[in-house]
N, C-alpha and C. Protein backbone atom coordinates (compact mmCIF):
# COMPACT_ATOMS: atom_id res chain seq x y z
N UNK A 1 -13.69 53.47 -31.82
CA UNK A 1 -13.48 54.29 -33.02
C UNK A 1 -12.44 55.37 -32.70
N UNK A 2 -11.45 55.55 -33.57
CA UNK A 2 -10.45 56.59 -33.37
C UNK A 2 -10.58 57.63 -34.46
N UNK A 3 -10.02 58.82 -34.19
CA UNK A 3 -10.16 59.91 -35.16
C UNK A 3 -9.51 59.59 -36.50
N UNK A 4 -8.51 58.74 -36.49
CA UNK A 4 -7.82 58.43 -37.76
C UNK A 4 -8.72 57.60 -38.69
N UNK A 5 -9.77 57.00 -38.13
CA UNK A 5 -10.67 56.18 -38.95
C UNK A 5 -11.84 56.99 -39.50
N UNK A 6 -11.89 58.29 -39.20
CA UNK A 6 -13.02 59.10 -39.61
C UNK A 6 -12.77 59.70 -40.99
N UNK A 7 -13.67 59.40 -41.91
CA UNK A 7 -13.50 59.88 -43.28
C UNK A 7 -14.64 60.78 -43.75
N UNK A 8 -15.76 60.72 -43.07
CA UNK A 8 -16.92 61.51 -43.50
C UNK A 8 -17.49 62.28 -42.31
N UNK A 9 -18.34 63.26 -42.63
CA UNK A 9 -18.99 64.05 -41.59
C UNK A 9 -19.89 63.16 -40.72
N UNK A 10 -20.54 62.17 -41.34
CA UNK A 10 -21.41 61.28 -40.59
C UNK A 10 -20.61 60.44 -39.60
N UNK A 11 -19.44 60.00 -40.03
CA UNK A 11 -18.58 59.21 -39.14
C UNK A 11 -18.11 60.06 -37.97
N UNK A 12 -17.81 61.32 -38.25
CA UNK A 12 -17.36 62.21 -37.18
C UNK A 12 -18.49 62.45 -36.18
N UNK A 13 -19.70 62.65 -36.68
CA UNK A 13 -20.85 62.85 -35.79
C UNK A 13 -21.09 61.60 -34.95
N UNK A 14 -20.92 60.44 -35.53
CA UNK A 14 -21.10 59.20 -34.79
C UNK A 14 -20.05 59.07 -33.69
N UNK A 15 -18.85 59.50 -34.03
CA UNK A 15 -17.75 59.48 -33.06
C UNK A 15 -18.07 60.41 -31.89
N UNK A 16 -18.57 61.62 -32.18
CA UNK A 16 -18.91 62.57 -31.13
C UNK A 16 -20.03 62.00 -30.25
N UNK A 17 -21.01 61.35 -30.87
CA UNK A 17 -22.11 60.77 -30.10
C UNK A 17 -21.58 59.69 -29.17
N UNK A 18 -20.65 58.91 -29.68
CA UNK A 18 -20.05 57.85 -28.87
C UNK A 18 -19.29 58.44 -27.68
N UNK A 19 -18.59 59.55 -27.92
CA UNK A 19 -17.87 60.22 -26.83
C UNK A 19 -18.84 60.70 -25.75
N UNK A 20 -19.95 61.30 -26.18
CA UNK A 20 -20.92 61.82 -25.21
C UNK A 20 -21.48 60.70 -24.35
N UNK A 21 -21.79 59.58 -24.96
CA UNK A 21 -22.32 58.44 -24.22
C UNK A 21 -21.28 57.93 -23.21
N UNK A 22 -20.03 57.86 -23.66
CA UNK A 22 -18.95 57.37 -22.79
C UNK A 22 -18.75 58.31 -21.60
N UNK A 23 -18.65 59.62 -21.91
CA UNK A 23 -18.44 60.59 -20.83
C UNK A 23 -19.63 60.61 -19.86
N UNK A 24 -20.84 60.48 -20.39
CA UNK A 24 -22.03 60.49 -19.54
C UNK A 24 -22.03 59.29 -18.60
N UNK A 25 -21.69 58.14 -19.13
CA UNK A 25 -21.66 56.93 -18.31
C UNK A 25 -20.60 57.06 -17.21
N UNK A 26 -19.41 57.51 -17.60
CA UNK A 26 -18.33 57.62 -16.61
C UNK A 26 -18.62 58.70 -15.57
N UNK A 27 -19.30 59.76 -16.01
CA UNK A 27 -19.61 60.86 -15.10
C UNK A 27 -20.66 60.44 -14.07
N UNK A 28 -21.79 59.92 -14.56
CA UNK A 28 -22.93 59.69 -13.68
C UNK A 28 -22.99 58.29 -13.08
N UNK A 29 -22.44 57.31 -13.79
CA UNK A 29 -22.48 55.94 -13.26
C UNK A 29 -21.20 55.59 -12.50
N UNK A 30 -20.07 56.01 -13.04
CA UNK A 30 -18.80 55.69 -12.40
C UNK A 30 -18.30 56.83 -11.50
N UNK A 31 -19.06 57.92 -11.48
CA UNK A 31 -18.77 59.06 -10.60
C UNK A 31 -17.33 59.56 -10.80
N UNK A 32 -17.03 59.84 -12.04
CA UNK A 32 -15.70 60.30 -12.44
C UNK A 32 -15.76 61.80 -12.75
N UNK A 33 -15.14 62.62 -11.91
CA UNK A 33 -15.20 64.07 -12.07
C UNK A 33 -14.59 64.55 -13.37
N UNK A 34 -13.49 63.92 -13.80
CA UNK A 34 -12.85 64.34 -15.05
C UNK A 34 -13.77 64.07 -16.24
N UNK A 35 -14.50 62.96 -16.20
CA UNK A 35 -15.43 62.65 -17.28
C UNK A 35 -16.55 63.69 -17.34
N UNK A 36 -17.01 64.14 -16.16
CA UNK A 36 -18.03 65.19 -16.14
C UNK A 36 -17.50 66.47 -16.79
N UNK A 37 -16.23 66.76 -16.51
CA UNK A 37 -15.62 67.96 -17.12
C UNK A 37 -15.51 67.78 -18.63
N UNK A 38 -15.07 66.61 -19.07
CA UNK A 38 -14.95 66.35 -20.50
C UNK A 38 -16.30 66.41 -21.19
N UNK A 39 -17.34 66.03 -20.47
CA UNK A 39 -18.68 66.15 -21.03
C UNK A 39 -19.03 67.63 -21.23
N UNK A 40 -18.61 68.47 -20.28
CA UNK A 40 -18.77 69.92 -20.46
C UNK A 40 -18.03 70.41 -21.69
N UNK A 41 -16.80 69.93 -21.87
CA UNK A 41 -16.03 70.32 -23.06
C UNK A 41 -16.72 69.84 -24.34
N UNK A 42 -17.34 68.67 -24.26
CA UNK A 42 -18.06 68.14 -25.42
C UNK A 42 -19.18 69.09 -25.83
N UNK A 43 -19.91 69.60 -24.85
CA UNK A 43 -21.00 70.53 -25.14
C UNK A 43 -20.47 71.86 -25.69
N UNK A 44 -19.31 72.27 -25.22
CA UNK A 44 -18.70 73.49 -25.77
C UNK A 44 -18.42 73.29 -27.26
N UNK A 45 -17.87 72.12 -27.60
CA UNK A 45 -17.57 71.84 -29.00
C UNK A 45 -18.82 71.88 -29.86
N UNK A 46 -19.94 71.49 -29.28
CA UNK A 46 -21.21 71.53 -30.00
C UNK A 46 -21.90 72.89 -29.89
N UNK A 47 -21.21 73.84 -29.24
CA UNK A 47 -21.74 75.20 -29.03
C UNK A 47 -23.03 75.19 -28.19
N UNK A 48 -23.13 74.22 -27.31
CA UNK A 48 -24.26 74.13 -26.38
C UNK A 48 -23.75 74.61 -25.02
N UNK A 49 -23.60 75.94 -24.93
CA UNK A 49 -22.84 76.51 -23.81
C UNK A 49 -23.56 76.39 -22.47
N UNK A 50 -24.87 76.53 -22.45
CA UNK A 50 -25.59 76.42 -21.18
C UNK A 50 -25.43 75.01 -20.60
N UNK A 51 -25.50 74.00 -21.46
CA UNK A 51 -25.32 72.63 -21.00
C UNK A 51 -23.89 72.41 -20.51
N UNK A 52 -22.93 73.02 -21.22
CA UNK A 52 -21.52 72.91 -20.81
C UNK A 52 -21.34 73.49 -19.41
N UNK A 53 -21.90 74.68 -19.20
CA UNK A 53 -21.77 75.35 -17.91
C UNK A 53 -22.38 74.50 -16.80
N UNK A 54 -23.51 73.89 -17.08
CA UNK A 54 -24.16 73.04 -16.08
C UNK A 54 -23.26 71.88 -15.67
N UNK A 55 -22.55 71.31 -16.64
CA UNK A 55 -21.67 70.18 -16.33
C UNK A 55 -20.40 70.62 -15.61
N UNK A 56 -19.88 71.78 -15.96
CA UNK A 56 -18.73 72.30 -15.21
C UNK A 56 -19.13 72.54 -13.75
N UNK A 57 -20.31 73.11 -13.56
CA UNK A 57 -20.78 73.36 -12.19
C UNK A 57 -20.95 72.04 -11.45
N UNK A 58 -21.52 71.05 -12.11
CA UNK A 58 -21.73 69.74 -11.48
C UNK A 58 -20.40 69.10 -11.10
N UNK A 59 -19.44 69.12 -12.02
CA UNK A 59 -18.13 68.49 -11.76
C UNK A 59 -17.40 69.21 -10.63
N UNK A 60 -17.60 70.52 -10.55
CA UNK A 60 -16.95 71.29 -9.49
C UNK A 60 -17.59 71.01 -8.14
N UNK A 61 -18.92 71.14 -8.09
CA UNK A 61 -19.61 71.04 -6.80
C UNK A 61 -19.71 69.60 -6.30
N UNK A 62 -19.75 68.65 -7.21
CA UNK A 62 -19.87 67.26 -6.80
C UNK A 62 -18.52 66.62 -6.51
N UNK A 63 -17.53 66.92 -7.38
CA UNK A 63 -16.22 66.26 -7.27
C UNK A 63 -15.08 67.23 -7.00
N UNK A 64 -15.41 68.53 -6.97
CA UNK A 64 -14.39 69.58 -6.80
C UNK A 64 -13.24 69.40 -7.80
N UNK A 65 -13.61 69.08 -9.05
CA UNK A 65 -12.61 68.94 -10.11
C UNK A 65 -12.10 70.33 -10.45
N UNK A 66 -10.80 70.61 -10.23
CA UNK A 66 -10.29 71.99 -10.30
C UNK A 66 -10.56 72.71 -11.61
N UNK A 67 -10.34 72.02 -12.74
CA UNK A 67 -10.52 72.67 -14.04
C UNK A 67 -11.98 73.07 -14.24
N UNK A 68 -12.90 72.26 -13.73
CA UNK A 68 -14.32 72.58 -13.85
C UNK A 68 -14.68 73.78 -13.01
N UNK A 69 -14.11 73.86 -11.80
CA UNK A 69 -14.36 75.02 -10.95
C UNK A 69 -13.89 76.29 -11.64
N UNK A 70 -12.75 76.18 -12.31
CA UNK A 70 -12.21 77.33 -13.05
C UNK A 70 -13.13 77.71 -14.21
N UNK A 71 -13.53 76.73 -14.99
CA UNK A 71 -14.38 77.00 -16.15
C UNK A 71 -15.74 77.56 -15.70
N UNK A 72 -16.27 77.02 -14.63
CA UNK A 72 -17.55 77.53 -14.13
C UNK A 72 -17.38 78.95 -13.61
N UNK A 73 -16.28 79.20 -12.92
CA UNK A 73 -16.00 80.55 -12.46
C UNK A 73 -15.92 81.54 -13.61
N UNK A 74 -15.27 81.14 -14.70
CA UNK A 74 -15.19 82.01 -15.88
C UNK A 74 -16.58 82.28 -16.45
N UNK A 75 -17.40 81.25 -16.48
CA UNK A 75 -18.74 81.42 -17.05
C UNK A 75 -19.56 82.44 -16.27
N UNK A 76 -19.28 82.56 -14.97
CA UNK A 76 -20.03 83.50 -14.14
C UNK A 76 -19.65 84.96 -14.43
N UNK A 77 -18.59 85.15 -15.20
CA UNK A 77 -18.20 86.50 -15.59
C UNK A 77 -18.92 86.95 -16.86
N UNK A 78 -19.21 86.02 -17.74
CA UNK A 78 -19.83 86.41 -19.02
C UNK A 78 -20.94 85.46 -19.45
N UNK A 79 -21.51 84.75 -18.47
CA UNK A 79 -22.56 83.79 -18.80
C UNK A 79 -23.77 84.42 -19.45
N UNK A 80 -23.98 85.71 -19.19
CA UNK A 80 -25.12 86.41 -19.79
C UNK A 80 -25.10 86.37 -21.31
N UNK A 81 -23.91 86.20 -21.89
CA UNK A 81 -23.80 86.13 -23.35
C UNK A 81 -24.51 84.91 -23.93
N UNK A 82 -24.69 83.88 -23.10
CA UNK A 82 -25.36 82.67 -23.58
C UNK A 82 -26.61 82.38 -22.75
N UNK A 83 -27.10 83.40 -22.05
CA UNK A 83 -28.31 83.24 -21.27
C UNK A 83 -28.13 82.52 -19.96
N UNK A 84 -26.88 82.45 -19.47
CA UNK A 84 -26.59 81.79 -18.21
C UNK A 84 -26.38 82.84 -17.11
N UNK A 85 -26.14 82.34 -15.90
CA UNK A 85 -25.99 83.23 -14.75
C UNK A 85 -24.71 84.05 -14.84
N UNK A 86 -24.79 85.30 -14.39
CA UNK A 86 -23.61 86.16 -14.27
C UNK A 86 -23.54 86.68 -12.85
N UNK A 87 -22.41 86.44 -12.19
CA UNK A 87 -22.27 86.83 -10.78
C UNK A 87 -20.79 86.93 -10.45
N UNK A 88 -20.26 88.16 -10.36
CA UNK A 88 -18.83 88.36 -10.12
C UNK A 88 -18.40 87.82 -8.76
N UNK A 89 -19.29 87.94 -7.77
CA UNK A 89 -18.94 87.46 -6.42
C UNK A 89 -18.79 85.93 -6.42
N UNK A 90 -19.69 85.25 -7.11
CA UNK A 90 -19.57 83.80 -7.23
C UNK A 90 -18.33 83.43 -8.06
N UNK A 91 -18.05 84.22 -9.08
CA UNK A 91 -16.86 83.96 -9.91
C UNK A 91 -15.60 83.99 -9.05
N UNK A 92 -15.54 84.94 -8.12
CA UNK A 92 -14.41 85.00 -7.19
C UNK A 92 -14.31 83.73 -6.37
N UNK A 93 -15.46 83.26 -5.88
CA UNK A 93 -15.47 82.06 -5.06
C UNK A 93 -14.95 80.85 -5.83
N UNK A 94 -15.47 80.65 -7.03
CA UNK A 94 -15.12 79.43 -7.78
C UNK A 94 -13.70 79.48 -8.35
N UNK A 95 -13.24 80.65 -8.76
CA UNK A 95 -11.86 80.73 -9.24
C UNK A 95 -10.88 80.55 -8.08
N UNK A 96 -11.24 81.06 -6.88
CA UNK A 96 -10.39 80.87 -5.70
C UNK A 96 -10.35 79.39 -5.33
N UNK A 97 -11.51 78.72 -5.40
CA UNK A 97 -11.57 77.29 -5.10
C UNK A 97 -10.69 76.50 -6.08
N UNK A 98 -10.79 76.84 -7.36
CA UNK A 98 -9.98 76.15 -8.37
C UNK A 98 -8.49 76.38 -8.12
N UNK A 99 -8.15 77.61 -7.75
CA UNK A 99 -6.75 77.93 -7.44
C UNK A 99 -6.27 77.10 -6.27
N UNK A 100 -7.06 77.04 -5.21
CA UNK A 100 -6.68 76.26 -4.02
C UNK A 100 -6.56 74.78 -4.32
N UNK A 101 -7.32 74.31 -5.31
CA UNK A 101 -7.30 72.89 -5.67
C UNK A 101 -6.19 72.57 -6.69
N UNK A 102 -5.43 73.60 -7.09
CA UNK A 102 -4.27 73.34 -7.92
C UNK A 102 -4.39 73.68 -9.39
N UNK A 103 -5.37 74.52 -9.76
CA UNK A 103 -5.51 74.96 -11.16
C UNK A 103 -4.81 76.31 -11.30
N UNK A 104 -3.59 76.36 -11.85
CA UNK A 104 -2.79 77.59 -11.85
C UNK A 104 -3.47 78.78 -12.53
N UNK A 105 -4.09 78.56 -13.69
CA UNK A 105 -4.71 79.67 -14.42
C UNK A 105 -5.82 80.34 -13.59
N UNK A 106 -6.44 79.55 -12.72
CA UNK A 106 -7.51 80.10 -11.89
C UNK A 106 -6.95 81.13 -10.90
N UNK A 107 -5.72 80.92 -10.47
CA UNK A 107 -5.08 81.87 -9.55
C UNK A 107 -4.91 83.22 -10.24
N UNK A 108 -4.50 83.18 -11.49
CA UNK A 108 -4.32 84.42 -12.25
C UNK A 108 -5.65 85.12 -12.48
N UNK A 109 -6.67 84.36 -12.88
CA UNK A 109 -7.95 84.98 -13.16
C UNK A 109 -8.59 85.51 -11.87
N UNK A 110 -8.44 84.78 -10.77
CA UNK A 110 -8.97 85.25 -9.50
C UNK A 110 -8.30 86.56 -9.09
N UNK A 111 -7.00 86.65 -9.28
CA UNK A 111 -6.28 87.89 -8.96
C UNK A 111 -6.75 89.03 -9.85
N UNK A 112 -7.00 88.74 -11.12
CA UNK A 112 -7.52 89.76 -12.05
C UNK A 112 -8.86 90.32 -11.57
N UNK A 113 -9.75 89.42 -11.20
CA UNK A 113 -11.08 89.85 -10.76
C UNK A 113 -10.95 90.72 -9.51
N UNK A 114 -10.14 90.27 -8.56
CA UNK A 114 -9.94 91.03 -7.33
C UNK A 114 -9.40 92.42 -7.63
N UNK A 115 -8.45 92.49 -8.57
CA UNK A 115 -7.86 93.77 -8.93
C UNK A 115 -8.89 94.68 -9.60
N UNK A 116 -9.69 94.12 -10.48
CA UNK A 116 -10.73 94.90 -11.15
C UNK A 116 -11.77 95.42 -10.15
N UNK A 117 -12.00 94.64 -9.10
CA UNK A 117 -12.95 95.04 -8.06
C UNK A 117 -12.30 95.95 -7.02
N UNK A 118 -11.04 96.32 -7.27
CA UNK A 118 -10.26 97.20 -6.38
C UNK A 118 -10.08 96.61 -4.98
N UNK A 119 -10.01 95.29 -4.93
CA UNK A 119 -9.72 94.58 -3.68
C UNK A 119 -8.22 94.28 -3.68
N UNK A 120 -7.43 95.34 -3.55
CA UNK A 120 -5.99 95.25 -3.82
C UNK A 120 -5.20 94.35 -2.86
N UNK A 121 -5.45 94.38 -1.55
CA UNK A 121 -4.69 93.46 -0.69
C UNK A 121 -4.88 91.99 -1.07
N UNK A 122 -6.15 91.63 -1.35
CA UNK A 122 -6.43 90.24 -1.73
C UNK A 122 -5.84 89.94 -3.11
N UNK A 123 -5.93 90.90 -4.02
CA UNK A 123 -5.35 90.70 -5.36
C UNK A 123 -3.85 90.51 -5.27
N UNK A 124 -3.21 91.29 -4.41
CA UNK A 124 -1.75 91.16 -4.25
C UNK A 124 -1.39 89.76 -3.79
N UNK A 125 -2.11 89.24 -2.81
CA UNK A 125 -1.82 87.89 -2.31
C UNK A 125 -1.91 86.86 -3.42
N UNK A 126 -2.94 86.97 -4.25
CA UNK A 126 -3.12 86.00 -5.33
C UNK A 126 -2.07 86.18 -6.42
N UNK A 127 -1.75 87.43 -6.75
CA UNK A 127 -0.71 87.67 -7.75
C UNK A 127 0.64 87.12 -7.28
N UNK A 128 0.94 87.34 -6.01
CA UNK A 128 2.21 86.84 -5.47
C UNK A 128 2.23 85.31 -5.50
N UNK A 129 1.11 84.70 -5.16
CA UNK A 129 1.02 83.24 -5.16
C UNK A 129 1.23 82.70 -6.57
N UNK A 130 0.58 83.32 -7.55
CA UNK A 130 0.69 82.83 -8.92
C UNK A 130 2.07 83.12 -9.50
N UNK A 131 2.63 84.27 -9.16
CA UNK A 131 3.98 84.59 -9.62
C UNK A 131 4.96 83.52 -9.17
N UNK A 132 4.83 83.10 -7.92
CA UNK A 132 5.77 82.13 -7.35
C UNK A 132 5.54 80.71 -7.86
N UNK A 133 4.44 80.48 -8.61
CA UNK A 133 4.19 79.16 -9.19
C UNK A 133 5.08 78.90 -10.41
N UNK A 134 5.63 79.97 -10.99
CA UNK A 134 6.46 79.84 -12.19
C UNK A 134 5.71 79.15 -13.33
N UNK A 135 4.42 79.48 -13.44
CA UNK A 135 3.59 78.95 -14.52
C UNK A 135 3.83 79.79 -15.77
N UNK A 136 3.38 79.31 -16.93
CA UNK A 136 3.69 80.03 -18.17
C UNK A 136 3.06 81.41 -18.24
N UNK A 137 2.00 81.65 -17.44
CA UNK A 137 1.34 82.94 -17.42
C UNK A 137 1.77 83.79 -16.21
N UNK A 138 2.67 83.24 -15.39
CA UNK A 138 3.02 83.88 -14.12
C UNK A 138 3.60 85.28 -14.27
N UNK A 139 4.22 85.55 -15.41
CA UNK A 139 4.87 86.85 -15.57
C UNK A 139 3.88 87.99 -15.43
N UNK A 140 2.61 87.76 -15.81
CA UNK A 140 1.60 88.81 -15.65
C UNK A 140 1.36 89.12 -14.17
N UNK A 141 1.30 88.09 -13.36
CA UNK A 141 1.07 88.30 -11.94
C UNK A 141 2.28 88.92 -11.26
N UNK A 142 3.48 88.56 -11.68
CA UNK A 142 4.68 89.19 -11.12
C UNK A 142 4.64 90.69 -11.38
N UNK A 143 4.29 91.05 -12.61
CA UNK A 143 4.21 92.47 -12.99
C UNK A 143 3.12 93.18 -12.18
N UNK A 144 1.94 92.57 -12.07
CA UNK A 144 0.85 93.22 -11.35
C UNK A 144 1.12 93.30 -9.85
N UNK A 145 1.78 92.32 -9.30
CA UNK A 145 2.17 92.39 -7.89
C UNK A 145 3.09 93.59 -7.67
N UNK A 146 4.03 93.77 -8.59
CA UNK A 146 4.93 94.93 -8.51
C UNK A 146 4.18 96.24 -8.59
N UNK A 147 3.21 96.31 -9.49
CA UNK A 147 2.43 97.54 -9.64
C UNK A 147 1.68 97.90 -8.35
N UNK A 148 1.05 96.90 -7.75
CA UNK A 148 0.30 97.16 -6.51
C UNK A 148 1.25 97.61 -5.40
N UNK A 149 2.41 96.98 -5.33
CA UNK A 149 3.36 97.30 -4.26
C UNK A 149 3.97 98.69 -4.41
N UNK A 150 4.08 99.19 -5.62
CA UNK A 150 4.66 100.52 -5.79
C UNK A 150 3.61 101.63 -5.81
N UNK A 151 2.33 101.24 -5.79
CA UNK A 151 1.25 102.23 -5.77
C UNK A 151 1.11 102.82 -4.36
N UNK A 152 0.88 104.13 -4.23
CA UNK A 152 0.69 104.73 -2.90
C UNK A 152 -0.42 104.03 -2.12
N UNK A 153 -0.20 103.90 -0.82
CA UNK A 153 -1.12 103.15 0.02
C UNK A 153 -2.53 103.74 0.03
N UNK A 154 -2.65 105.06 -0.12
CA UNK A 154 -3.98 105.66 -0.09
C UNK A 154 -4.83 105.26 -1.30
N UNK A 155 -4.18 104.71 -2.31
CA UNK A 155 -4.90 104.22 -3.50
C UNK A 155 -5.11 102.70 -3.43
N UNK A 156 -4.07 101.98 -3.02
CA UNK A 156 -4.11 100.52 -3.07
C UNK A 156 -4.50 99.84 -1.76
N UNK A 157 -4.47 100.60 -0.65
CA UNK A 157 -4.70 100.03 0.68
C UNK A 157 -3.63 99.00 1.05
N UNK A 158 -2.52 99.05 0.35
CA UNK A 158 -1.39 98.16 0.62
C UNK A 158 -0.17 99.04 0.92
N UNK A 159 0.59 98.74 1.98
CA UNK A 159 1.78 99.54 2.28
C UNK A 159 2.73 99.59 1.08
N UNK A 160 3.10 100.79 0.68
CA UNK A 160 4.00 100.95 -0.46
C UNK A 160 5.36 100.37 -0.12
N UNK A 161 5.88 99.54 -1.00
CA UNK A 161 7.16 98.86 -0.75
C UNK A 161 7.93 98.77 -2.06
N UNK A 162 8.79 99.77 -2.30
CA UNK A 162 9.54 99.81 -3.55
C UNK A 162 10.51 98.64 -3.68
N UNK A 163 11.08 98.22 -2.55
CA UNK A 163 12.06 97.11 -2.61
C UNK A 163 11.39 95.82 -3.05
N UNK A 164 10.25 95.53 -2.45
CA UNK A 164 9.53 94.32 -2.82
C UNK A 164 8.97 94.42 -4.24
N UNK A 165 8.51 95.62 -4.60
CA UNK A 165 8.02 95.82 -5.97
C UNK A 165 9.12 95.53 -6.97
N UNK A 166 10.32 96.01 -6.68
CA UNK A 166 11.46 95.76 -7.57
C UNK A 166 11.71 94.27 -7.73
N UNK A 167 11.59 93.53 -6.65
CA UNK A 167 11.82 92.08 -6.71
C UNK A 167 10.82 91.40 -7.64
N UNK A 168 9.55 91.82 -7.55
CA UNK A 168 8.54 91.19 -8.41
C UNK A 168 8.67 91.65 -9.85
N UNK A 169 9.01 92.90 -10.06
CA UNK A 169 9.24 93.36 -11.43
C UNK A 169 10.41 92.60 -12.05
N UNK A 170 11.44 92.38 -11.26
CA UNK A 170 12.61 91.65 -11.77
C UNK A 170 12.23 90.23 -12.16
N UNK A 171 11.43 89.59 -11.32
CA UNK A 171 11.01 88.22 -11.64
C UNK A 171 10.15 88.21 -12.91
N UNK A 172 9.25 89.18 -13.01
CA UNK A 172 8.43 89.27 -14.21
C UNK A 172 9.26 89.50 -15.46
N UNK A 173 10.27 90.33 -15.32
CA UNK A 173 11.18 90.60 -16.44
C UNK A 173 11.92 89.33 -16.84
N UNK A 174 12.39 88.60 -15.84
CA UNK A 174 13.11 87.35 -16.13
C UNK A 174 12.23 86.33 -16.83
N UNK A 175 10.92 86.42 -16.58
CA UNK A 175 9.96 85.54 -17.25
C UNK A 175 9.61 86.04 -18.65
N UNK A 176 10.08 87.25 -19.02
CA UNK A 176 9.84 87.75 -20.36
C UNK A 176 8.74 88.77 -20.50
N UNK A 177 8.37 89.44 -19.39
CA UNK A 177 7.36 90.48 -19.45
C UNK A 177 8.05 91.83 -19.70
N UNK A 178 7.86 92.39 -20.90
CA UNK A 178 8.61 93.61 -21.24
C UNK A 178 8.21 94.79 -20.37
N UNK A 179 6.95 94.86 -19.95
CA UNK A 179 6.52 95.95 -19.07
C UNK A 179 7.24 95.89 -17.73
N UNK A 180 7.42 94.67 -17.23
CA UNK A 180 8.16 94.49 -15.99
C UNK A 180 9.61 94.94 -16.17
N UNK A 181 10.18 94.67 -17.35
CA UNK A 181 11.56 95.10 -17.62
C UNK A 181 11.67 96.63 -17.62
N UNK A 182 10.67 97.31 -18.20
CA UNK A 182 10.66 98.77 -18.17
C UNK A 182 10.59 99.28 -16.73
N UNK A 183 9.81 98.59 -15.88
CA UNK A 183 9.72 98.99 -14.48
C UNK A 183 11.06 98.79 -13.77
N UNK A 184 11.75 97.72 -14.09
CA UNK A 184 13.08 97.48 -13.51
C UNK A 184 14.03 98.59 -13.95
N UNK A 185 13.97 98.96 -15.23
CA UNK A 185 14.80 100.04 -15.74
C UNK A 185 14.50 101.34 -15.01
N UNK A 186 13.22 101.63 -14.81
CA UNK A 186 12.82 102.85 -14.11
C UNK A 186 13.31 102.85 -12.67
N UNK A 187 13.22 101.68 -12.01
CA UNK A 187 13.67 101.57 -10.62
C UNK A 187 15.17 101.85 -10.52
N UNK A 188 15.94 101.32 -11.45
CA UNK A 188 17.38 101.59 -11.45
C UNK A 188 17.67 103.06 -11.75
N UNK A 189 16.90 103.63 -12.66
CA UNK A 189 17.16 105.03 -13.05
C UNK A 189 16.89 105.98 -11.90
N UNK A 190 15.79 105.76 -11.17
CA UNK A 190 15.42 106.67 -10.09
C UNK A 190 15.89 106.20 -8.71
N UNK A 191 16.43 104.98 -8.65
CA UNK A 191 16.86 104.45 -7.36
C UNK A 191 15.69 104.12 -6.45
N UNK A 192 14.63 103.52 -7.03
CA UNK A 192 13.44 103.14 -6.24
C UNK A 192 13.49 101.66 -5.90
N UNK A 193 13.78 101.37 -4.63
CA UNK A 193 13.83 99.98 -4.18
C UNK A 193 15.14 99.29 -4.49
N UNK A 194 16.05 100.02 -5.10
CA UNK A 194 17.36 99.48 -5.46
C UNK A 194 18.32 100.65 -5.63
N UNK A 195 19.59 100.38 -5.50
CA UNK A 195 20.58 101.46 -5.65
C UNK A 195 20.55 102.00 -7.08
N UNK A 196 20.60 103.31 -7.20
CA UNK A 196 20.54 103.95 -8.51
C UNK A 196 21.71 103.49 -9.37
N UNK A 197 21.40 103.15 -10.63
CA UNK A 197 22.44 102.66 -11.54
C UNK A 197 21.97 102.92 -12.97
N UNK A 198 22.46 103.99 -13.57
CA UNK A 198 21.98 104.37 -14.91
C UNK A 198 22.42 103.38 -15.98
N UNK A 199 23.56 102.72 -15.75
CA UNK A 199 24.02 101.72 -16.73
C UNK A 199 23.04 100.54 -16.79
N UNK A 200 22.65 100.05 -15.60
CA UNK A 200 21.68 98.95 -15.58
C UNK A 200 20.32 99.40 -16.07
N UNK A 201 19.96 100.66 -15.78
CA UNK A 201 18.70 101.20 -16.29
C UNK A 201 18.67 101.12 -17.81
N UNK A 202 19.78 101.51 -18.42
CA UNK A 202 19.87 101.47 -19.88
C UNK A 202 19.80 100.04 -20.41
N UNK A 203 20.46 99.11 -19.71
CA UNK A 203 20.46 97.71 -20.14
C UNK A 203 19.05 97.12 -20.09
N UNK A 204 18.31 97.44 -19.02
CA UNK A 204 16.96 96.89 -18.90
C UNK A 204 15.98 97.57 -19.85
N UNK A 205 16.21 98.82 -20.18
CA UNK A 205 15.37 99.46 -21.20
C UNK A 205 15.55 98.75 -22.53
N UNK A 206 16.81 98.42 -22.83
CA UNK A 206 17.09 97.71 -24.08
C UNK A 206 16.44 96.31 -24.06
N UNK A 207 16.56 95.64 -22.91
CA UNK A 207 15.96 94.32 -22.80
C UNK A 207 14.45 94.39 -23.00
N UNK A 208 13.83 95.40 -22.39
CA UNK A 208 12.38 95.58 -22.54
C UNK A 208 12.02 95.79 -24.00
N UNK A 209 12.78 96.64 -24.68
CA UNK A 209 12.49 96.93 -26.09
C UNK A 209 12.69 95.67 -26.95
N UNK A 210 13.74 94.92 -26.67
CA UNK A 210 14.00 93.71 -27.45
C UNK A 210 12.87 92.70 -27.28
N UNK A 211 12.38 92.54 -26.05
CA UNK A 211 11.29 91.60 -25.81
C UNK A 211 10.02 92.08 -26.51
N UNK A 212 9.73 93.38 -26.37
CA UNK A 212 8.53 93.94 -27.00
C UNK A 212 8.59 93.77 -28.52
N UNK A 213 9.76 94.03 -29.10
CA UNK A 213 9.92 93.89 -30.54
C UNK A 213 9.73 92.43 -30.99
N UNK A 214 10.22 91.51 -30.17
CA UNK A 214 10.12 90.09 -30.53
C UNK A 214 8.68 89.59 -30.46
N UNK A 215 7.85 90.28 -29.69
CA UNK A 215 6.45 89.88 -29.52
C UNK A 215 5.51 90.61 -30.47
N UNK A 216 6.04 91.58 -31.20
CA UNK A 216 5.22 92.34 -32.14
C UNK A 216 5.13 91.58 -33.47
N UNK A 217 3.92 91.26 -33.93
CA UNK A 217 3.80 90.51 -35.19
C UNK A 217 4.44 91.29 -36.34
N UNK A 218 5.20 90.57 -37.15
CA UNK A 218 5.85 91.18 -38.31
C UNK A 218 4.84 91.30 -39.45
N UNK A 219 4.87 92.45 -40.13
CA UNK A 219 3.95 92.68 -41.26
C UNK A 219 4.47 92.01 -42.51
């Protein structure tokens, strides 16, 4: 049965039931990690979140399916909303595992958690790793890596490095992060990590404003 053949609510429900049976068979009988993950997604669609979380955990721990490790890690941050487990330390473990297994978004979320927990050296490593992946969300990590690097060491526990911070801000700006562009402009204006250049400072301020304006919803 394909979605194009569905004309009624009953047909759609029958289709969903068929999907669940297929995913269950492939997950448990054919030992297919992706099918286990898709079964988790199926439960999300049905708003059966605790069951979804259980399947993400199973797919991660049994098959180390990266997307499932990521989804399970996310659930450990706010699982209490659906009566499931909440554990930030475990969330760090599973998002790091997903990142190591090749799930790019998990690298970003793992870095976020580390930063929120004020584990700045570890957060910097993850932000730098994700920035260098050139993923669609990487600009956030480039910007945050720059922020950590320009923060005084007594606050971040990371040696302050304006030159390296400038490099990450520049990369974030090139990816379209307007905040990173403002940081590049500031670096040029004050000569932090780069030779002072007020002309370039002005150019990057304009670039930052143009990007910010383009991202602001029009009324």
